[in-house]
């Protein structure tokens, strides 16, 4: 596969580091979008929510979520409120988010799925 995929995340996130290393090992052409330096792009965020759902995208397990006050947490009720919060707090986005060359979007690290997407199926 020679098409370039875009990996969105935060460079010091352990899962993003693992994903970047795995993709490099498998010869994937990757453009990295750093949420900390480049922010959350509105159009891709809308695509991710449409494809994966805001519930999947919102990381309620991490320390950033736990640091939010209860009112802010309770205020996330739908795609619009999630979009506003994820834009302000990129660390709340489950990582990595990958936009594959064919337009597919995945959230999180999944080696078996990625092998198939790279055209190197299992077995």
N, C-alpha and C. Protein backbone atom coordinates (compact mmCIF):
# COMPACT_ATOMS: atom_id res chain seq x y z
N UNK A 1 0.85 -1.18 0.00
CA UNK A 1 0.00 0.00 0.00
C UNK A 1 0.89 1.23 0.00
N UNK A 2 0.74 2.08 -0.97
CA UNK A 2 1.58 3.27 -1.05
C UNK A 2 0.81 4.53 -0.70
N UNK A 3 -0.51 4.42 -0.54
CA UNK A 3 -1.30 5.58 -0.18
C UNK A 3 -0.98 6.01 1.24
N UNK A 4 -1.07 7.31 1.47
CA UNK A 4 -0.75 7.86 2.78
C UNK A 4 -1.99 7.93 3.65
N UNK A 5 -1.83 7.50 4.88
CA UNK A 5 -2.90 7.63 5.86
C UNK A 5 -2.55 8.76 6.81
N UNK A 6 -3.56 9.29 7.49
CA UNK A 6 -3.33 10.34 8.48
C UNK A 6 -3.64 9.79 9.85
N UNK A 7 -2.67 9.91 10.75
CA UNK A 7 -2.82 9.49 12.13
C UNK A 7 -2.92 10.75 12.98
N UNK A 8 -4.00 10.85 13.73
CA UNK A 8 -4.24 11.99 14.61
C UNK A 8 -4.01 11.55 16.04
N UNK A 9 -3.31 12.39 16.80
CA UNK A 9 -3.08 12.05 18.19
C UNK A 9 -2.18 13.04 18.89
N UNK A 10 -1.65 12.59 19.99
CA UNK A 10 -0.75 13.38 20.83
C UNK A 10 0.55 12.60 20.92
N UNK A 11 1.68 13.25 20.62
CA UNK A 11 2.93 12.50 20.50
C UNK A 11 3.37 11.76 21.76
N UNK A 12 3.06 12.26 22.94
CA UNK A 12 3.52 11.59 24.15
C UNK A 12 2.56 10.52 24.67
N UNK A 13 1.46 10.30 23.96
CA UNK A 13 0.51 9.24 24.32
C UNK A 13 1.13 7.88 24.00
N UNK A 14 1.12 6.98 24.97
CA UNK A 14 1.74 5.67 24.78
C UNK A 14 1.11 4.89 23.63
N UNK A 15 -0.21 4.97 23.50
CA UNK A 15 -0.88 4.24 22.42
C UNK A 15 -0.53 4.82 21.06
N UNK A 16 -0.40 6.14 20.98
CA UNK A 16 0.01 6.78 19.72
C UNK A 16 1.44 6.39 19.38
N UNK A 17 2.32 6.37 20.37
CA UNK A 17 3.71 5.94 20.13
C UNK A 17 3.73 4.51 19.59
N UNK A 18 2.96 3.63 20.22
CA UNK A 18 2.89 2.23 19.80
C UNK A 18 2.35 2.14 18.37
N UNK A 19 1.30 2.90 18.08
CA UNK A 19 0.70 2.87 16.75
C UNK A 19 1.68 3.37 15.69
N UNK A 20 2.37 4.47 15.98
CA UNK A 20 3.32 5.01 15.01
C UNK A 20 4.45 4.03 14.74
N UNK A 21 4.95 3.39 15.80
CA UNK A 21 6.02 2.40 15.63
C UNK A 21 5.52 1.21 14.82
N UNK A 22 4.32 0.72 15.13
CA UNK A 22 3.75 -0.42 14.42
C UNK A 22 3.57 -0.09 12.95
N UNK A 23 3.01 1.06 12.65
CA UNK A 23 2.80 1.45 11.25
C UNK A 23 4.12 1.59 10.51
N UNK A 24 5.14 2.14 11.16
CA UNK A 24 6.47 2.26 10.54
C UNK A 24 7.05 0.87 10.25
N UNK A 25 6.91 -0.05 11.21
CA UNK A 25 7.39 -1.42 11.01
C UNK A 25 6.73 -2.09 9.82
N UNK A 26 5.50 -1.73 9.56
CA UNK A 26 4.74 -2.34 8.47
C UNK A 26 4.77 -1.52 7.19
N UNK A 27 5.64 -0.54 7.14
CA UNK A 27 5.88 0.20 5.91
C UNK A 27 4.77 1.14 5.48
N UNK A 28 3.92 1.53 6.41
CA UNK A 28 2.81 2.44 6.06
C UNK A 28 3.34 3.86 5.88
N UNK A 29 2.78 4.55 4.92
CA UNK A 29 3.08 5.96 4.70
C UNK A 29 2.10 6.76 5.56
N UNK A 30 2.66 7.50 6.54
CA UNK A 30 1.83 8.15 7.55
C UNK A 30 2.14 9.64 7.65
N UNK A 31 1.09 10.44 7.69
CA UNK A 31 1.19 11.85 8.06
C UNK A 31 0.65 11.94 9.47
N UNK A 32 1.41 12.56 10.37
CA UNK A 32 0.98 12.68 11.76
C UNK A 32 0.42 14.07 12.01
N UNK A 33 -0.78 14.11 12.60
CA UNK A 33 -1.41 15.38 12.98
C UNK A 33 -1.39 15.44 14.50
N UNK A 34 -0.65 16.41 15.04
CA UNK A 34 -0.46 16.58 16.47
C UNK A 34 -1.55 17.50 17.02
N UNK A 35 -2.46 16.93 17.82
CA UNK A 35 -3.54 17.73 18.40
C UNK A 35 -3.01 18.88 19.25
N UNK A 36 -1.89 18.66 19.93
CA UNK A 36 -1.36 19.69 20.83
C UNK A 36 -0.85 20.90 20.04
N UNK A 37 -0.22 20.63 18.91
CA UNK A 37 0.35 21.73 18.11
C UNK A 37 -0.62 22.26 17.06
N UNK A 38 -1.44 21.37 16.48
CA UNK A 38 -2.26 21.75 15.34
C UNK A 38 -3.75 21.85 15.65
N UNK A 39 -4.14 21.46 16.87
CA UNK A 39 -5.54 21.52 17.25
C UNK A 39 -6.36 20.41 16.60
N UNK A 40 -7.65 20.48 16.84
CA UNK A 40 -8.58 19.50 16.30
C UNK A 40 -9.26 20.13 15.09
N UNK A 41 -9.03 19.58 13.90
CA UNK A 41 -9.65 20.15 12.70
C UNK A 41 -11.16 19.86 12.67
N UNK A 42 -11.98 20.89 12.49
CA UNK A 42 -13.44 20.72 12.57
C UNK A 42 -14.02 19.73 11.56
N UNK A 43 -13.61 19.79 10.31
CA UNK A 43 -14.20 18.89 9.30
C UNK A 43 -13.87 17.43 9.59
N UNK A 44 -12.61 17.09 9.86
CA UNK A 44 -12.34 15.70 10.22
C UNK A 44 -13.07 15.25 11.48
N UNK A 45 -13.15 16.12 12.50
CA UNK A 45 -13.86 15.75 13.72
C UNK A 45 -15.31 15.38 13.40
N UNK A 46 -15.94 16.14 12.55
CA UNK A 46 -17.32 15.83 12.14
C UNK A 46 -17.38 14.48 11.44
N UNK A 47 -16.38 14.18 10.59
CA UNK A 47 -16.34 12.87 9.90
C UNK A 47 -16.17 11.73 10.90
N UNK A 48 -15.30 11.94 11.89
CA UNK A 48 -15.06 10.89 12.88
C UNK A 48 -16.32 10.60 13.68
N UNK A 49 -17.01 11.65 14.07
CA UNK A 49 -18.24 11.47 14.84
C UNK A 49 -19.29 10.77 13.99
N UNK A 50 -19.38 11.14 12.72
CA UNK A 50 -20.34 10.49 11.82
C UNK A 50 -19.99 9.01 11.63
N UNK A 51 -18.71 8.70 11.52
CA UNK A 51 -18.27 7.33 11.24
C UNK A 51 -18.25 6.45 12.49
N UNK A 52 -17.73 6.97 13.59
CA UNK A 52 -17.50 6.15 14.77
C UNK A 52 -18.48 6.43 15.91
N UNK A 53 -19.10 7.61 15.87
CA UNK A 53 -19.98 8.01 16.96
C UNK A 53 -19.23 8.77 18.03
N UNK A 54 -19.86 9.77 18.59
CA UNK A 54 -19.17 10.59 19.59
C UNK A 54 -18.87 9.79 20.85
N UNK A 55 -19.69 8.79 21.16
CA UNK A 55 -19.45 7.98 22.36
C UNK A 55 -18.15 7.20 22.25
N UNK A 56 -17.87 6.70 21.06
CA UNK A 56 -16.61 5.95 20.84
C UNK A 56 -15.41 6.88 20.87
N UNK A 57 -15.59 8.07 20.36
CA UNK A 57 -14.49 9.03 20.25
C UNK A 57 -14.11 9.64 21.60
N UNK A 58 -15.07 9.81 22.47
CA UNK A 58 -14.84 10.46 23.76
C UNK A 58 -14.22 9.46 24.74
N UNK A 59 -13.02 9.78 25.20
CA UNK A 59 -12.31 8.89 26.12
C UNK A 59 -12.70 9.24 27.56
N UNK A 60 -13.60 8.45 28.11
CA UNK A 60 -14.05 8.67 29.49
C UNK A 60 -13.19 7.92 30.50
N UNK A 61 -12.15 7.24 30.02
CA UNK A 61 -11.28 6.46 30.91
C UNK A 61 -10.04 7.22 31.35
N UNK A 62 -9.69 8.27 30.63
CA UNK A 62 -8.43 8.94 30.88
C UNK A 62 -8.46 9.98 31.98
N UNK A 63 -7.27 10.43 32.34
CA UNK A 63 -7.14 11.41 33.42
C UNK A 63 -7.76 12.76 33.05
N UNK A 64 -7.76 13.12 31.79
CA UNK A 64 -8.36 14.40 31.39
C UNK A 64 -9.85 14.40 31.72
N UNK A 65 -10.54 13.32 31.42
CA UNK A 65 -11.97 13.21 31.75
C UNK A 65 -12.19 13.28 33.26
N UNK A 66 -11.37 12.56 34.00
CA UNK A 66 -11.53 12.51 35.46
C UNK A 66 -11.29 13.88 36.09
N UNK A 67 -10.48 14.71 35.46
CA UNK A 67 -10.21 16.05 36.00
C UNK A 67 -11.34 17.04 35.72
N UNK A 68 -12.23 16.72 34.79
CA UNK A 68 -13.34 17.62 34.50
C UNK A 68 -14.33 17.65 35.66
N UNK A 69 -14.95 18.81 35.88
CA UNK A 69 -15.96 18.87 36.92
C UNK A 69 -17.21 18.09 36.47
N UNK A 70 -18.02 17.73 37.44
CA UNK A 70 -19.19 16.88 37.18
C UNK A 70 -20.16 17.56 36.21
N UNK A 71 -20.30 18.86 36.30
CA UNK A 71 -21.23 19.56 35.41
C UNK A 71 -20.77 19.48 33.96
N UNK A 72 -19.47 19.60 33.73
CA UNK A 72 -18.93 19.50 32.37
C UNK A 72 -19.14 18.09 31.84
N UNK A 73 -18.84 17.10 32.67
CA UNK A 73 -19.05 15.71 32.25
C UNK A 73 -20.52 15.46 31.92
N UNK A 74 -21.40 15.92 32.77
CA UNK A 74 -22.84 15.70 32.58
C UNK A 74 -23.37 16.46 31.36
N UNK A 75 -22.67 17.51 30.96
CA UNK A 75 -23.12 18.32 29.83
C UNK A 75 -22.89 17.68 28.48
N UNK A 76 -22.14 16.58 28.45
CA UNK A 76 -21.89 15.88 27.18
C UNK A 76 -23.02 14.89 26.96
N UNK A 77 -23.99 15.32 26.14
CA UNK A 77 -25.21 14.55 25.95
C UNK A 77 -25.44 14.11 24.51
N UNK A 78 -24.72 14.73 23.57
CA UNK A 78 -24.98 14.47 22.16
C UNK A 78 -23.76 14.87 21.34
N UNK A 79 -23.88 14.69 20.03
CA UNK A 79 -22.74 14.98 19.14
C UNK A 79 -22.31 16.45 19.22
N UNK A 80 -23.27 17.36 19.34
CA UNK A 80 -22.92 18.79 19.38
C UNK A 80 -22.14 19.13 20.65
N UNK A 81 -22.60 18.66 21.80
CA UNK A 81 -21.89 18.96 23.04
C UNK A 81 -20.54 18.25 23.08
N UNK A 82 -20.48 17.04 22.53
CA UNK A 82 -19.21 16.32 22.47
C UNK A 82 -18.22 17.04 21.56
N UNK A 83 -18.71 17.52 20.42
CA UNK A 83 -17.85 18.24 19.49
C UNK A 83 -17.24 19.47 20.16
N UNK A 84 -18.06 20.23 20.86
CA UNK A 84 -17.56 21.43 21.53
C UNK A 84 -16.48 21.08 22.55
N UNK A 85 -16.71 20.04 23.34
CA UNK A 85 -15.74 19.66 24.36
C UNK A 85 -14.46 19.09 23.74
N UNK A 86 -14.61 18.22 22.74
CA UNK A 86 -13.43 17.62 22.10
C UNK A 86 -12.57 18.67 21.40
N UNK A 87 -13.20 19.70 20.88
CA UNK A 87 -12.46 20.77 20.23
C UNK A 87 -11.64 21.55 21.26
N UNK A 88 -12.24 21.80 22.42
CA UNK A 88 -11.54 22.54 23.49
C UNK A 88 -10.50 21.68 24.20
N UNK A 89 -10.76 20.38 24.30
CA UNK A 89 -9.91 19.48 25.07
C UNK A 89 -9.51 18.27 24.21
N UNK A 90 -8.56 18.44 23.30
CA UNK A 90 -8.19 17.33 22.40
C UNK A 90 -7.72 16.08 23.13
N UNK A 91 -7.25 16.22 24.34
CA UNK A 91 -6.80 15.04 25.10
C UNK A 91 -7.94 14.09 25.42
N UNK A 92 -9.18 14.54 25.25
CA UNK A 92 -10.35 13.69 25.50
C UNK A 92 -10.67 12.78 24.32
N UNK A 93 -10.00 12.97 23.20
CA UNK A 93 -10.25 12.12 22.03
C UNK A 93 -9.50 10.80 22.19
N UNK A 94 -10.24 9.69 22.06
CA UNK A 94 -9.62 8.36 22.13
C UNK A 94 -8.63 8.27 20.96
N UNK A 95 -7.45 7.76 21.25
CA UNK A 95 -6.38 7.77 20.25
C UNK A 95 -5.85 6.36 19.99
N UNK A 96 -5.23 6.25 18.81
CA UNK A 96 -5.17 7.21 17.71
C UNK A 96 -6.44 7.17 16.86
N UNK A 97 -6.68 8.26 16.18
CA UNK A 97 -7.70 8.28 15.14
C UNK A 97 -6.95 8.20 13.82
N UNK A 98 -7.36 7.30 12.95
CA UNK A 98 -6.69 7.17 11.65
C UNK A 98 -7.73 7.36 10.55
N UNK A 99 -7.36 8.21 9.61
CA UNK A 99 -8.12 8.33 8.36
C UNK A 99 -7.33 7.57 7.32
N UNK A 100 -7.91 6.47 6.85
CA UNK A 100 -7.26 5.59 5.89
C UNK A 100 -7.44 6.17 4.48
N UNK A 101 -6.56 5.81 3.57
CA UNK A 101 -6.64 6.36 2.21
C UNK A 101 -7.98 6.11 1.52
N UNK A 102 -8.70 5.06 1.89
CA UNK A 102 -9.99 4.77 1.26
C UNK A 102 -11.14 5.54 1.92
N UNK A 103 -10.82 6.40 2.90
CA UNK A 103 -11.84 7.20 3.56
C UNK A 103 -12.34 6.60 4.87
N UNK A 104 -11.97 5.37 5.16
CA UNK A 104 -12.39 4.74 6.42
C UNK A 104 -11.72 5.44 7.60
N UNK A 105 -12.39 5.35 8.73
CA UNK A 105 -11.89 5.96 9.96
C UNK A 105 -11.88 4.90 11.05
N UNK A 106 -10.75 4.81 11.76
CA UNK A 106 -10.68 3.91 12.90
C UNK A 106 -10.25 4.71 14.12
N UNK A 107 -10.69 4.23 15.28
CA UNK A 107 -10.36 4.87 16.56
C UNK A 107 -9.75 3.80 17.45
N UNK A 108 -8.55 4.08 17.96
CA UNK A 108 -7.86 3.13 18.81
C UNK A 108 -6.91 2.26 18.01
N UNK A 109 -6.09 1.51 18.73
CA UNK A 109 -5.08 0.64 18.11
C UNK A 109 -5.65 -0.76 17.93
N UNK A 110 -5.57 -1.28 16.70
CA UNK A 110 -6.09 -2.62 16.40
C UNK A 110 -5.23 -3.25 15.31
N UNK A 111 -4.17 -3.95 15.73
CA UNK A 111 -3.18 -4.48 14.79
C UNK A 111 -3.79 -5.39 13.72
N UNK A 112 -4.67 -6.31 14.10
CA UNK A 112 -5.24 -7.24 13.12
C UNK A 112 -6.04 -6.50 12.05
N UNK A 113 -6.86 -5.56 12.50
CA UNK A 113 -7.64 -4.75 11.57
C UNK A 113 -6.71 -3.93 10.67
N UNK A 114 -5.70 -3.37 11.24
CA UNK A 114 -4.76 -2.54 10.45
C UNK A 114 -4.04 -3.37 9.41
N UNK A 115 -3.66 -4.61 9.75
CA UNK A 115 -3.01 -5.47 8.76
C UNK A 115 -3.90 -5.66 7.54
N UNK A 116 -5.18 -5.91 7.79
CA UNK A 116 -6.12 -6.06 6.68
C UNK A 116 -6.21 -4.76 5.87
N UNK A 117 -6.27 -3.65 6.56
CA UNK A 117 -6.39 -2.36 5.86
C UNK A 117 -5.14 -2.04 5.04
N UNK A 118 -4.01 -2.54 5.49
CA UNK A 118 -2.76 -2.34 4.75
C UNK A 118 -2.60 -3.36 3.63
N UNK A 119 -3.59 -4.26 3.50
CA UNK A 119 -3.54 -5.26 2.45
C UNK A 119 -2.61 -6.40 2.77
N UNK A 120 -2.38 -6.62 4.05
CA UNK A 120 -1.47 -7.68 4.47
C UNK A 120 -2.17 -8.64 5.41
N UNK A 121 -3.39 -8.97 5.09
CA UNK A 121 -4.26 -9.80 5.93
C UNK A 121 -3.54 -10.81 6.79
N UNK A 122 -4.21 -11.28 7.78
CA UNK A 122 -3.63 -12.26 8.72
C UNK A 122 -3.53 -13.62 8.04
N UNK A 123 -2.45 -14.30 8.32
CA UNK A 123 -2.32 -15.68 7.84
C UNK A 123 -1.70 -15.79 6.56
